[in-house]
Amino acid sequence: MKLFTYLSVVFFTFSCRKSDCNNVKLAFYSDDYNIIVEEQNIDLTWIKINGFAPVAHKKTNIMVHNNWIVDSNEVEVGDTIVKKKGELAFAIHKKDTIINHDWYCEGKLYK
């Protein structure tokens, strides 16, 4: 029982630590998507997009933290969302323009 209590306290202490943005960004480098938007739900915390992957010829979806500060009004049905593996940039390809977003963590820009 004492071991369980000790482990619980240690886990709680470390889970409350401030995250290191340099470590967090590494998880986003591996993301790679190219999706034609069919449905979106974007808020300050999450980017949730359902759509079609033209390269894979199948329906797909993404759900990632909104570290790019994308506004829900920027993404419309028919837009293409592009995030390349090895990069942090997030692009919204519209009919006549491309909107690029850089990745932020705790208010600081990361590339």
PDB file of N, CA and C in Angstrom:
ATOM      1  N   MET A   1       0.820  -1.198   0.000  1.00  0.00           N
ATOM      2  CA  MET A   1       0.000   0.000   0.000  1.00  0.00           C
ATOM      3  C   MET A   1       0.862   1.259   0.000  1.00  0.00           C
ATOM      4  N   LYS A   2       1.949   1.239   0.767  1.00  0.00           N
ATOM      5  CA  LYS A   2       2.837   2.400   0.814  1.00  0.00           C
ATOM      6  C   LYS A   2       3.471   2.654  -0.552  1.00  0.00           C
ATOM      7  N   LEU A   3       3.824   1.569  -1.250  1.00  0.00           N
ATOM      8  CA  LEU A   3       4.421   1.702  -2.570  1.00  0.00           C
ATOM      9  C   LEU A   3       3.430   2.352  -3.534  1.00  0.00           C
ATOM     10  N   PHE A   4       2.185   1.923  -3.472  1.00  0.00           N
ATOM     11  CA  PHE A   4       1.150   2.492  -4.330  1.00  0.00           C
ATOM     12  C   PHE A   4       0.982   3.987  -4.054  1.00  0.00           C
ATOM     13  N   THR A   5       0.942   4.368  -2.792  1.00  0.00           N
ATOM     14  CA  THR A   5       0.799   5.769  -2.412  1.00  0.00           C
ATOM     15  C   THR A   5       1.987   6.574  -2.906  1.00  0.00           C
ATOM     16  N   TYR A   6       3.190   6.037  -2.726  1.00  0.00           N
ATOM     17  CA  TYR A   6       4.403   6.726  -3.181  1.00  0.00           C
ATOM     18  C   TYR A   6       4.380   6.917  -4.699  1.00  0.00           C
ATOM     19  N   LEU A   7       4.067   5.855  -5.427  1.00  0.00           N
ATOM     20  CA  LEU A   7       4.024   5.943  -6.880  1.00  0.00           C
ATOM     21  C   LEU A   7       2.950   6.925  -7.349  1.00  0.00           C
ATOM     22  N   SER A   8       1.830   6.960  -6.672  1.00  0.00           N
ATOM     23  CA  SER A   8       0.764   7.897  -7.015  1.00  0.00           C
ATOM     24  C   SER A   8       1.214   9.341  -6.831  1.00  0.00           C
ATOM     25  N   VAL A   9       1.908   9.609  -5.739  1.00  0.00           N
ATOM     26  CA  VAL A   9       2.405  10.962  -5.473  1.00  0.00           C
ATOM     27  C   VAL A   9       3.451  11.358  -6.517  1.00  0.00           C
ATOM     28  N   VAL A  10       4.353  10.449  -6.855  1.00  0.00           N
ATOM     29  CA  VAL A  10       5.383  10.728  -7.855  1.00  0.00           C
ATOM     30  C   VAL A  10       4.741  10.980  -9.210  1.00  0.00           C
ATOM     31  N   PHE A  11       3.814  10.138  -9.601  1.00  0.00           N
ATOM     32  CA  PHE A  11       3.126  10.309 -10.885  1.00  0.00           C
ATOM     33  C   PHE A  11       2.398  11.650 -10.935  1.00  0.00           C
ATOM     34  N   PHE A  12       1.687  11.982  -9.881  1.00  0.00           N
ATOM     35  CA  PHE A  12       0.942  13.242  -9.837  1.00  0.00           C
ATOM     36  C   PHE A  12       1.884  14.432  -9.936  1.00  0.00           C
ATOM     37  N   THR A  13       3.001  14.379  -9.240  1.00  0.00           N
ATOM     38  CA  THR A  13       3.972  15.469  -9.259  1.00  0.00           C
ATOM     39  C   THR A  13       4.530  15.687 -10.658  1.00  0.00           C
ATOM     40  N   PHE A  14       4.929  14.608 -11.307  1.00  0.00           N
ATOM     41  CA  PHE A  14       5.519  14.749 -12.634  1.00  0.00           C
ATOM     42  C   PHE A  14       4.479  15.065 -13.709  1.00  0.00           C
ATOM     43  N   SER A  15       3.256  14.656 -13.521  1.00  0.00           N
ATOM     44  CA  SER A  15       2.228  14.959 -14.516  1.00  0.00           C
ATOM     45  C   SER A  15       1.814  16.422 -14.466  1.00  0.00           C
ATOM     46  N   CYS A  16       2.088  17.106 -13.395  1.00  0.00           N
ATOM     47  CA  CYS A  16       1.739  18.514 -13.260  1.00  0.00           C
ATOM     48  C   CYS A  16       2.857  19.441 -13.731  1.00  0.00           C
ATOM     49  N   ARG A  17       3.988  18.869 -14.133  1.00  0.00           N
ATOM     50  CA  ARG A  17       5.095  19.689 -14.616  1.00  0.00           C
ATOM     51  C   ARG A  17       4.716  20.395 -15.902  1.00  0.00           C
ATOM     52  N   LYS A  18       5.334  21.510 -16.117  1.00  0.00           N
ATOM     53  CA  LYS A  18       5.158  22.249 -17.360  1.00  0.00           C
ATOM     54  C   LYS A  18       5.811  21.452 -18.487  1.00  0.00           C
ATOM     55  N   SER A  19       5.103  21.321 -19.607  1.00  0.00           N
ATOM     56  CA  SER A  19       5.646  20.543 -20.719  1.00  0.00           C
ATOM     57  C   SER A  19       6.769  21.316 -21.402  1.00  0.00           C
ATOM     58  N   ASP A  20       7.707  20.586 -21.970  1.00  0.00           N
ATOM     59  CA  ASP A  20       8.814  21.168 -22.702  1.00  0.00           C
ATOM     60  C   ASP A  20       8.430  21.237 -24.174  1.00  0.00           C
ATOM     61  N   CYS A  21       8.297  22.431 -24.707  1.00  0.00           N
ATOM     62  CA  CYS A  21       7.837  22.621 -26.091  1.00  0.00           C
ATOM     63  C   CYS A  21       8.756  21.958 -27.105  1.00  0.00           C
ATOM     64  N   ASN A  22      10.049  21.915 -26.815  1.00  0.00           N
ATOM     65  CA  ASN A  22      10.973  21.267 -27.741  1.00  0.00           C
ATOM     66  C   ASN A  22      10.697  19.774 -27.853  1.00  0.00           C
ATOM     67  N   ASN A  23      10.253  19.164 -26.762  1.00  0.00           N
ATOM     68  CA  ASN A  23       9.871  17.744 -26.803  1.00  0.00           C
ATOM     69  C   ASN A  23       8.506  17.558 -27.448  1.00  0.00           C
ATOM     70  N   VAL A  24       7.588  18.444 -27.168  1.00  0.00           N
ATOM     71  CA  VAL A  24       6.238  18.346 -27.724  1.00  0.00           C
ATOM     72  C   VAL A  24       6.271  18.494 -29.240  1.00  0.00           C
ATOM     73  N   LYS A  25       7.062  19.421 -29.757  1.00  0.00           N
ATOM     74  CA  LYS A  25       7.087  19.656 -31.200  1.00  0.00           C
ATOM     75  C   LYS A  25       7.583  18.436 -31.965  1.00  0.00           C
ATOM     76  N   LEU A  26       8.395  17.605 -31.344  1.00  0.00           N
ATOM     77  CA  LEU A  26       8.894  16.409 -32.010  1.00  0.00           C
ATOM     78  C   LEU A  26       7.758  15.478 -32.419  1.00  0.00           C
ATOM     79  N   ALA A  27       6.696  15.454 -31.636  1.00  0.00           N
ATOM     80  CA  ALA A  27       5.550  14.607 -31.962  1.00  0.00           C
ATOM     81  C   ALA A  27       4.830  15.100 -33.216  1.00  0.00           C
ATOM     82  N   PHE A  28       4.890  16.398 -33.489  1.00  0.00           N
ATOM     83  CA  PHE A  28       4.196  16.963 -34.646  1.00  0.00           C
ATOM     84  C   PHE A  28       4.996  16.812 -35.942  1.00  0.00           C
ATOM     85  N   TYR A  29       6.309  16.632 -35.850  1.00  0.00           N
ATOM     86  CA  TYR A  29       7.133  16.485 -37.057  1.00  0.00           C
ATOM     87  C   TYR A  29       6.716  15.275 -37.891  1.00  0.00           C
ATOM     88  N   SER A  30       6.287  14.221 -37.243  1.00  0.00           N
ATOM     89  CA  SER A  30       5.956  12.990 -37.976  1.00  0.00           C
ATOM     90  C   SER A  30       4.601  13.050 -38.671  1.00  0.00           C
ATOM     91  N   ASP A  31       3.762  14.022 -38.319  1.00  0.00           N
ATOM     92  CA  ASP A  31       2.447  14.144 -38.960  1.00  0.00           C
ATOM     93  C   ASP A  31       2.594  14.477 -40.437  1.00  0.00           C
ATOM     94  N   ASP A  32       1.791  13.810 -41.245  1.00  0.00           N
ATOM     95  CA  ASP A  32       1.810  14.029 -42.690  1.00  0.00           C
ATOM     96  C   ASP A  32       0.391  13.831 -43.194  1.00  0.00           C
ATOM     97  N   TYR A  33      -0.239  14.911 -43.661  1.00  0.00           N
ATOM     98  CA  TYR A  33      -1.571  14.753 -44.209  1.00  0.00           C
ATOM     99  C   TYR A  33      -1.833  15.732 -45.339  1.00  0.00           C
ATOM    100  N   ASN A  34      -2.707  15.277 -46.214  1.00  0.00           N
ATOM    101  CA  ASN A  34      -3.171  16.023 -47.371  1.00  0.00           C
ATOM    102  C   ASN A  34      -4.649  15.647 -47.498  1.00  0.00           C
ATOM    103  N   ILE A  35      -5.517  16.506 -46.983  1.00  0.00           N
ATOM    104  CA  ILE A  35      -6.935  16.165 -46.858  1.00  0.00           C
ATOM    105  C   ILE A  35      -7.814  17.245 -47.488  1.00  0.00           C
ATOM    106  N   ILE A  36      -8.728  16.820 -48.327  1.00  0.00           N
ATOM    107  CA  ILE A  36      -9.762  17.723 -48.845  1.00  0.00           C
ATOM    108  C   ILE A  36     -10.880  17.742 -47.807  1.00  0.00           C
ATOM    109  N   VAL A  37     -11.170  18.905 -47.285  1.00  0.00           N
ATOM    110  CA  VAL A  37     -12.108  19.058 -46.170  1.00  0.00           C
ATOM    111  C   VAL A  37     -13.537  18.786 -46.609  1.00  0.00           C
ATOM    112  N   GLU A  38     -14.205  17.885 -45.878  1.00  0.00           N
ATOM    113  CA  GLU A  38     -15.632  17.640 -46.055  1.00  0.00           C
ATOM    114  C   GLU A  38     -16.409  18.152 -44.849  1.00  0.00           C
ATOM    115  N   GLU A  39     -15.751  18.154 -43.699  1.00  0.00           N
ATOM    116  CA  GLU A  39     -16.379  18.615 -42.458  1.00  0.00           C
ATOM    117  C   GLU A  39     -15.270  19.033 -41.505  1.00  0.00           C
ATOM    118  N   GLN A  40     -15.477  20.151 -40.791  1.00  0.00           N
ATOM    119  CA  GLN A  40     -14.461  20.596 -39.846  1.00  0.00           C
ATOM    120  C   GLN A  40     -15.100  21.054 -38.547  1.00  0.00           C
ATOM    121  N   ASN A  41     -14.349  20.888 -37.483  1.00  0.00           N
ATOM    122  CA  ASN A  41     -14.728  21.382 -36.166  1.00  0.00           C
ATOM    123  C   ASN A  41     -13.436  21.885 -35.526  1.00  0.00           C
ATOM    124  N   ILE A  42     -13.230  23.191 -35.580  1.00  0.00           N
ATOM    125  CA  ILE A  42     -11.996  23.791 -35.090  1.00  0.00           C
ATOM    126  C   ILE A  42     -12.327  24.765 -33.968  1.00  0.00           C
ATOM    127  N   ASP A  43     -11.613  24.629 -32.854  1.00  0.00           N
ATOM    128  CA  ASP A  43     -11.744  25.586 -31.762  1.00  0.00           C
ATOM    129  C   ASP A  43     -10.347  25.970 -31.282  1.00  0.00           C
ATOM    130  N   LEU A  44     -10.250  26.648 -30.178  1.00  0.00           N
ATOM    131  CA  LEU A  44      -8.946  27.095 -29.685  1.00  0.00           C
ATOM    132  C   LEU A  44      -8.040  25.939 -29.277  1.00  0.00           C
ATOM    133  N   THR A  45      -8.604  24.782 -28.986  1.00  0.00           N
ATOM    134  CA  THR A  45      -7.822  23.653 -28.509  1.00  0.00           C
ATOM    135  C   THR A  45      -7.589  22.594 -29.580  1.00  0.00           C
ATOM    136  N   TRP A  46      -8.590  22.285 -30.372  1.00  0.00           N
ATOM    137  CA  TRP A  46      -8.511  21.158 -31.308  1.00  0.00           C
ATOM    138  C   TRP A  46      -8.783  21.554 -32.751  1.00  0.00           C
ATOM    139  N   ILE A  47      -8.127  20.832 -33.649  1.00  0.00           N
ATOM    140  CA  ILE A  47      -8.447  20.861 -35.076  1.00  0.00           C
ATOM    141  C   ILE A  47      -8.964  19.469 -35.403  1.00  0.00           C
ATOM    142  N   LYS A  48     -10.239  19.384 -35.757  1.00  0.00           N
ATOM    143  CA  LYS A  48     -10.848  18.103 -36.122  1.00  0.00           C
ATOM    144  C   LYS A  48     -11.386  18.248 -37.541  1.00  0.00           C
ATOM    145  N   ILE A  49     -10.858  17.433 -38.443  1.00  0.00           N
ATOM    146  CA  ILE A  49     -11.257  17.522 -39.845  1.00  0.00           C
ATOM    147  C   ILE A  49     -11.546  16.132 -40.389  1.00  0.00           C
ATOM    148  N   ASN A  50     -12.704  16.002 -41.017  1.00  0.00           N
ATOM    149  CA  ASN A  50     -13.049  14.794 -41.763  1.00  0.00           C
ATOM    150  C   ASN A  50     -12.975  15.155 -43.232  1.00  0.00           C
ATOM    151  N   GLY A  51     -12.442  14.233 -44.016  1.00  0.00           N
ATOM    152  CA  GLY A  51     -12.337  14.540 -45.431  1.00  0.00           C
ATOM    153  C   GLY A  51     -11.862  13.371 -46.253  1.00  0.00           C
ATOM    154  N   PHE A  52     -11.288  13.703 -47.396  1.00  0.00           N
ATOM    155  CA  PHE A  52     -10.855  12.709 -48.365  1.00  0.00           C
ATOM    156  C   PHE A  52      -9.383  12.932 -48.666  1.00  0.00           C
ATOM    157  N   ALA A  53      -8.609  11.855 -48.607  1.00  0.00           N
ATOM    158  CA  ALA A  53      -7.187  11.909 -48.942  1.00  0.00           C
ATOM    159  C   ALA A  53      -7.033  11.523 -50.403  1.00  0.00           C
ATOM    160  N   PRO A  54      -6.752  12.493 -51.291  1.00  0.00           N
ATOM    161  CA  PRO A  54      -6.698  12.190 -52.725  1.00  0.00           C
ATOM    162  C   PRO A  54      -5.565  11.241 -53.111  1.00  0.00           C
ATOM    163  N   VAL A  55      -4.467  11.269 -52.402  1.00  0.00           N
ATOM    164  CA  VAL A  55      -3.336  10.388 -52.722  1.00  0.00           C
ATOM    165  C   VAL A  55      -3.672   8.936 -52.378  1.00  0.00           C
ATOM    166  N   ALA A  56      -4.298   8.748 -51.226  1.00  0.00           N
ATOM    167  CA  ALA A  56      -4.655   7.396 -50.773  1.00  0.00           C
ATOM    168  C   ALA A  56      -6.015   6.943 -51.315  1.00  0.00           C
ATOM    169  N   HIS A  57      -6.777   7.861 -51.888  1.00  0.00           N
ATOM    170  CA  HIS A  57      -8.120   7.580 -52.427  1.00  0.00           C
ATOM    171  C   HIS A  57      -9.043   6.975 -51.371  1.00  0.00           C
ATOM    172  N   LYS A  58      -9.056   7.597 -50.189  1.00  0.00           N
ATOM    173  CA  LYS A  58      -9.945   7.100 -49.135  1.00  0.00           C
ATOM    174  C   LYS A  58     -10.328   8.221 -48.181  1.00  0.00           C
ATOM    175  N   LYS A  59     -11.426   7.999 -47.465  1.00  0.00           N
ATOM    176  CA  LYS A  59     -11.864   8.930 -46.427  1.00  0.00           C
ATOM    177  C   LYS A  59     -10.870   8.860 -45.278  1.00  0.00           C
ATOM    178  N   THR A  60     -10.648  10.012 -44.649  1.00  0.00           N
ATOM    179  CA  THR A  60      -9.724  10.056 -43.522  1.00  0.00           C
ATOM    180  C   THR A  60     -10.109  11.206 -42.606  1.00  0.00           C
ATOM    181  N   ASN A  61      -9.457  11.295 -41.475  1.00  0.00           N
ATOM    182  CA  ASN A  61      -9.706  12.399 -40.554  1.00  0.00           C
ATOM    183  C   ASN A  61      -8.449  12.693 -39.748  1.00  0.00           C
ATOM    184  N   ILE A  62      -8.408  13.882 -39.194  1.00  0.00           N
ATOM    185  CA  ILE A  62      -7.340  14.251 -38.277  1.00  0.00           C
ATOM    186  C   ILE A  62      -7.957  14.885 -37.044  1.00  0.00           C
ATOM    187  N   MET A  63      -7.259  14.742 -35.942  1.00  0.00           N
ATOM    188  CA  MET A  63      -7.622  15.404 -34.694  1.00  0.00           C
ATOM    189  C   MET A  63      -6.313  15.726 -33.998  1.00  0.00           C
ATOM    190  N   VAL A  64      -5.937  17.002 -34.036  1.00  0.00           N
ATOM    191  CA  VAL A  64      -4.679  17.432 -33.438  1.00  0.00           C
ATOM    192  C   VAL A  64      -4.908  18.700 -32.621  1.00  0.00           C
ATOM    193  N   HIS A  65      -4.001  18.942 -31.679  1.00  0.00           N
ATOM    194  CA  HIS A  65      -4.061  20.183 -30.910  1.00  0.00           C
ATOM    195  C   HIS A  65      -3.844  21.366 -31.838  1.00  0.00           C
ATOM    196  N   ASN A  66      -4.537  22.430 -31.597  1.00  0.00           N
ATOM    197  CA  ASN A  66      -4.480  23.616 -32.449  1.00  0.00           C
ATOM    198  C   ASN A  66      -3.294  24.510 -32.062  1.00  0.00           C
ATOM    199  N   ASN A  67      -2.086  23.999 -32.224  1.00  0.00           N
ATOM    200  CA  ASN A  67      -0.885  24.781 -31.946  1.00  0.00           C
ATOM    201  C   ASN A  67      -0.580  25.761 -33.074  1.00  0.00           C
ATOM    202  N   TRP A  68      -1.335  25.735 -34.153  1.00  0.00           N
ATOM    203  CA  TRP A  68      -1.137  26.639 -35.279  1.00  0.00           C
ATOM    204  C   TRP A  68      -2.029  27.873 -35.192  1.00  0.00           C
ATOM    205  N   ILE A  69      -2.903  27.890 -34.214  1.00  0.00           N
ATOM    206  CA  ILE A  69      -3.841  28.980 -33.997  1.00  0.00           C
ATOM    207  C   ILE A  69      -4.699  29.212 -35.250  1.00  0.00           C
ATOM    208  N   VAL A  70      -5.237  28.123 -35.765  1.00  0.00           N
ATOM    209  CA  VAL A  70      -6.121  28.167 -36.926  1.00  0.00           C
ATOM    210  C   VAL A  70      -7.517  28.548 -36.446  1.00  0.00           C
ATOM    211  N   ASP A  71      -8.147  29.483 -37.136  1.00  0.00           N
ATOM    212  CA  ASP A  71      -9.500  29.908 -36.810  1.00  0.00           C
ATOM    213  C   ASP A  71     -10.495  29.088 -37.625  1.00  0.00           C
ATOM    214  N   SER A  72     -11.618  28.761 -37.040  1.00  0.00           N
ATOM    215  CA  SER A  72     -12.617  27.941 -37.736  1.00  0.00           C
ATOM    216  C   SER A  72     -13.142  28.607 -39.005  1.00  0.00           C
ATOM    217  N   ASN A  73     -13.109  29.930 -39.064  1.00  0.00           N
ATOM    218  CA  ASN A  73     -13.588  30.646 -40.251  1.00  0.00           C
ATOM    219  C   ASN A  73     -12.632  30.541 -41.428  1.00  0.00           C
ATOM    220  N   GLU A  74     -11.403  30.095 -41.192  1.00  0.00           N
ATOM    221  CA  GLU A  74     -10.416  29.989 -42.271  1.00  0.00           C
ATOM    222  C   GLU A  74     -10.590  28.737 -43.121  1.00  0.00           C
ATOM    223  N   VAL A  75     -11.177  27.702 -42.544  1.00  0.00           N
ATOM    224  CA  VAL A  75     -11.268  26.410 -43.228  1.00  0.00           C
ATOM    225  C   VAL A  75     -12.705  26.172 -43.677  1.00  0.00           C
ATOM    226  N   GLU A  76     -12.863  25.927 -44.983  1.00  0.00           N
ATOM    227  CA  GLU A  76     -14.181  25.689 -45.560  1.00  0.00           C
ATOM    228  C   GLU A  76     -14.200  24.336 -46.268  1.00  0.00           C
ATOM    229  N   VAL A  77     -15.385  23.831 -46.480  1.00  0.00           N
ATOM    230  CA  VAL A  77     -15.544  22.595 -47.244  1.00  0.00           C
ATOM    231  C   VAL A  77     -14.929  22.812 -48.624  1.00  0.00           C
ATOM    232  N   GLY A  78     -14.123  21.852 -49.056  1.00  0.00           N
ATOM    233  CA  GLY A  78     -13.453  21.947 -50.350  1.00  0.00           C
ATOM    234  C   GLY A  78     -12.010  22.414 -50.263  1.00  0.00           C
ATOM    235  N   ASP A  79     -11.626  23.038 -49.141  1.00  0.00           N
ATOM    236  CA  ASP A  79     -10.231  23.423 -48.949  1.00  0.00           C
ATOM    237  C   ASP A  79      -9.386  22.169 -48.763  1.00  0.00           C
ATOM    238  N   THR A  80      -8.096  22.284 -49.032  1.00  0.00           N
ATOM    239  CA  THR A  80      -7.180  21.171 -48.807  1.00  0.00           C
ATOM    240  C   THR A  80      -6.221  21.544 -47.682  1.00  0.00           C
ATOM    241  N   ILE A  81      -6.122  20.667 -46.702  1.00  0.00           N
ATOM    242  CA  ILE A  81      -5.218  20.857 -45.570  1.00  0.00           C
ATOM    243  C   ILE A  81      -3.960  20.058 -45.839  1.00  0.00           C
ATOM    244  N   VAL A  82      -2.801  20.726 -45.732  1.00  0.00           N
ATOM    245  CA  VAL A  82      -1.527  20.061 -46.003  1.00  0.00           C
ATOM    246  C   VAL A  82      -0.579  20.270 -44.828  1.00  0.00           C
ATOM    247  N   LYS A  83      -0.036  19.184 -44.330  1.00  0.00           N
ATOM    248  CA  LYS A  83       1.004  19.189 -43.299  1.00  0.00           C
ATOM    249  C   LYS A  83       2.007  18.138 -43.729  1.00  0.00           C
ATOM    250  N   LYS A  84       3.230  18.567 -44.026  1.00  0.00           N
ATOM    251  CA  LYS A  84       4.254  17.647 -44.517  1.00  0.00           C
ATOM    252  C   LYS A  84       5.087  17.084 -43.379  1.00  0.00           C
ATOM    253  N   LYS A  85       5.425  15.816 -43.504  1.00  0.00           N
ATOM    254  CA  LYS A  85       6.269  15.149 -42.530  1.00  0.00           C
ATOM    255  C   LYS A  85       7.620  15.861 -42.463  1.00  0.00           C
ATOM    256  N   GLY A  86       8.111  16.068 -41.252  1.00  0.00           N
ATOM    257  CA  GLY A  86       9.396  16.722 -41.063  1.00  0.00           C
ATOM    258  C   GLY A  86       9.311  18.230 -40.960  1.00  0.00           C
ATOM    259  N   GLU A  87       8.106  18.782 -41.077  1.00  0.00           N
ATOM    260  CA  GLU A  87       7.900  20.226 -40.975  1.00  0.00           C
ATOM    261  C   GLU A  87       6.829  20.505 -39.931  1.00  0.00           C
ATOM    262  N   LEU A  88       6.829  21.712 -39.405  1.00  0.00           N
ATOM    263  CA  LEU A  88       5.797  22.109 -38.455  1.00  0.00           C
ATOM    264  C   LEU A  88       4.706  22.964 -39.096  1.00  0.00           C
ATOM    265  N   ALA A  89       4.957  23.483 -40.292  1.00  0.00           N
ATOM    266  CA  ALA A  89       3.996  24.367 -40.961  1.00  0.00           C
ATOM    267  C   ALA A  89       2.709  23.626 -41.321  1.00  0.00           C
ATOM    268  N   PHE A  90       1.608  24.335 -41.249  1.00  0.00           N
ATOM    269  CA  PHE A  90       0.264  23.841 -41.543  1.00  0.00           C
ATOM    270  C   PHE A  90      -0.307  24.769 -42.610  1.00  0.00           C
ATOM    271  N   ALA A  91      -0.742  24.225 -43.733  1.00  0.00           N
ATOM    272  CA  ALA A  91      -1.221  25.060 -44.838  1.00  0.00           C
ATOM    273  C   ALA A  91      -2.666  24.736 -45.186  1.00  0.00           C
ATOM    274  N   ILE A  92      -3.413  25.790 -45.477  1.00  0.00           N
ATOM    275  CA  ILE A  92      -4.789  25.673 -45.941  1.00  0.00           C
ATOM    276  C   ILE A  92      -4.786  26.137 -47.393  1.00  0.00           C
ATOM    277  N   HIS A  93      -4.998  25.206 -48.319  1.00  0.00           N
ATOM    278  CA  HIS A  93      -5.025  25.525 -49.743  1.00  0.00           C
ATOM    279  C   HIS A  93      -6.461  25.804 -50.148  1.00  0.00           C
ATOM    280  N   LYS A  94      -6.702  27.030 -50.534  1.00  0.00           N
ATOM    281  CA  LYS A  94      -8.020  27.438 -50.995  1.00  0.00           C
ATOM    282  C   LYS A  94      -8.021  27.519 -52.521  1.00  0.00           C
ATOM    283  N   LYS A  95      -9.131  27.837 -53.083  1.00  0.00           N
ATOM    284  CA  LYS A  95      -9.265  27.904 -54.544  1.00  0.00           C
ATOM    285  C   LYS A  95      -8.256  28.875 -55.163  1.00  0.00           C
ATOM    286  N   ASP A  96      -8.067  30.022 -54.518  1.00  0.00           N
ATOM    287  CA  ASP A  96      -7.223  31.053 -55.112  1.00  0.00           C
ATOM    288  C   ASP A  96      -6.061  31.521 -54.230  1.00  0.00           C
ATOM    289  N   THR A  97      -5.842  30.870 -53.101  1.00  0.00           N
ATOM    290  CA  THR A  97      -4.776  31.302 -52.199  1.00  0.00           C
ATOM    291  C   THR A  97      -4.350  30.173 -51.269  1.00  0.00           C
ATOM    292  N   ILE A  98      -3.219  30.364 -50.617  1.00  0.00           N
ATOM    293  CA  ILE A  98      -2.728  29.416 -49.614  1.00  0.00           C
ATOM    294  C   ILE A  98      -2.481  30.194 -48.329  1.00  0.00           C
ATOM    295  N   ILE A  99      -3.029  29.691 -47.233  1.00  0.00           N
ATOM    296  CA  ILE A  99      -2.822  30.300 -45.924  1.00  0.00           C
ATOM    297  C   ILE A  99      -1.886  29.385 -45.143  1.00  0.00           C
ATOM    298  N   ASN A 100      -0.725  29.907 -44.772  1.00  0.00           N
ATOM    299  CA  ASN A 100       0.251  29.139 -44.003  1.00  0.00           C
ATOM    300  C   ASN A 100       0.190  29.539 -42.539  1.00  0.00           C
ATOM    301  N   HIS A 101       0.311  28.542 -41.672  1.00  0.00           N
ATOM    302  CA  HIS A 101       0.338  28.778 -40.228  1.00  0.00           C
ATOM    303  C   HIS A 101       1.592  28.149 -39.647  1.00  0.00           C
ATOM    304  N   ASP A 102       2.280  28.914 -38.797  1.00  0.00           N
ATOM    305  CA  ASP A 102       3.425  28.388 -38.070  1.00  0.00           C
ATOM    306  C   ASP A 102       2.947  27.751 -36.774  1.00  0.00           C
ATOM    307  N   TRP A 103       3.785  26.914 -36.204  1.00  0.00           N
ATOM    308  CA  TRP A 103       3.457  26.171 -34.993  1.00  0.00           C
ATOM    309  C   TRP A 103       3.893  26.960 -33.766  1.00  0.00           C
ATOM    310  N   TYR A 104       2.995  27.088 -32.788  1.00  0.00           N
ATOM    311  CA  TYR A 104       3.269  27.826 -31.557  1.00  0.00           C
ATOM    312  C   TYR A 104       3.113  26.924 -30.340  1.00  0.00           C
ATOM    313  N   CYS A 105       3.899  27.197 -29.335  1.00  0.00           N
ATOM    314  CA  CYS A 105       3.770  26.516 -28.047  1.00  0.00           C
ATOM    315  C   CYS A 105       4.020  27.545 -26.963  1.00  0.00           C
ATOM    316  N   GLU A 106       3.079  27.668 -26.069  1.00  0.00           N
ATOM    317  CA  GLU A 106       3.137  28.642 -24.971  1.00  0.00           C
ATOM    318  C   GLU A 106       3.428  30.047 -25.479  1.00  0.00           C
ATOM    319  N   GLY A 107       2.815  30.401 -26.616  1.00  0.00           N
ATOM    320  CA  GLY A 107       2.945  31.732 -27.166  1.00  0.00           C
ATOM    321  C   GLY A 107       4.225  32.002 -27.946  1.00  0.00           C
ATOM    322  N   LYS A 108       5.081  31.005 -28.082  1.00  0.00           N
ATOM    323  CA  LYS A 108       6.349  31.188 -28.778  1.00  0.00           C
ATOM    324  C   LYS A 108       6.342  30.424 -30.102  1.00  0.00           C
ATOM    325  N   LEU A 109       6.853  31.072 -31.154  1.00  0.00           N
ATOM    326  CA  LEU A 109       6.929  30.462 -32.488  1.00  0.00           C
ATOM    327  C   LEU A 109       8.048  29.420 -32.546  1.00  0.00           C
ATOM    328  N   TYR A 110       7.741  28.261 -33.124  1.00  0.00           N
ATOM    329  CA  TYR A 110       8.730  27.204 -33.337  1.00  0.00           C
ATOM    330  C   TYR A 110       8.729  26.836 -34.796  1.00  0.00           C
ATOM    331  N   LYS A 111       9.915  26.535 -35.329  1.00  0.00           N
ATOM    332  CA  LYS A 111      10.034  26.109 -36.728  1.00  0.00           C
ATOM    333  C   LYS A 111      10.774  24.811 -36.820  1.00  0.00           C
TER     334      LYS A 111
END
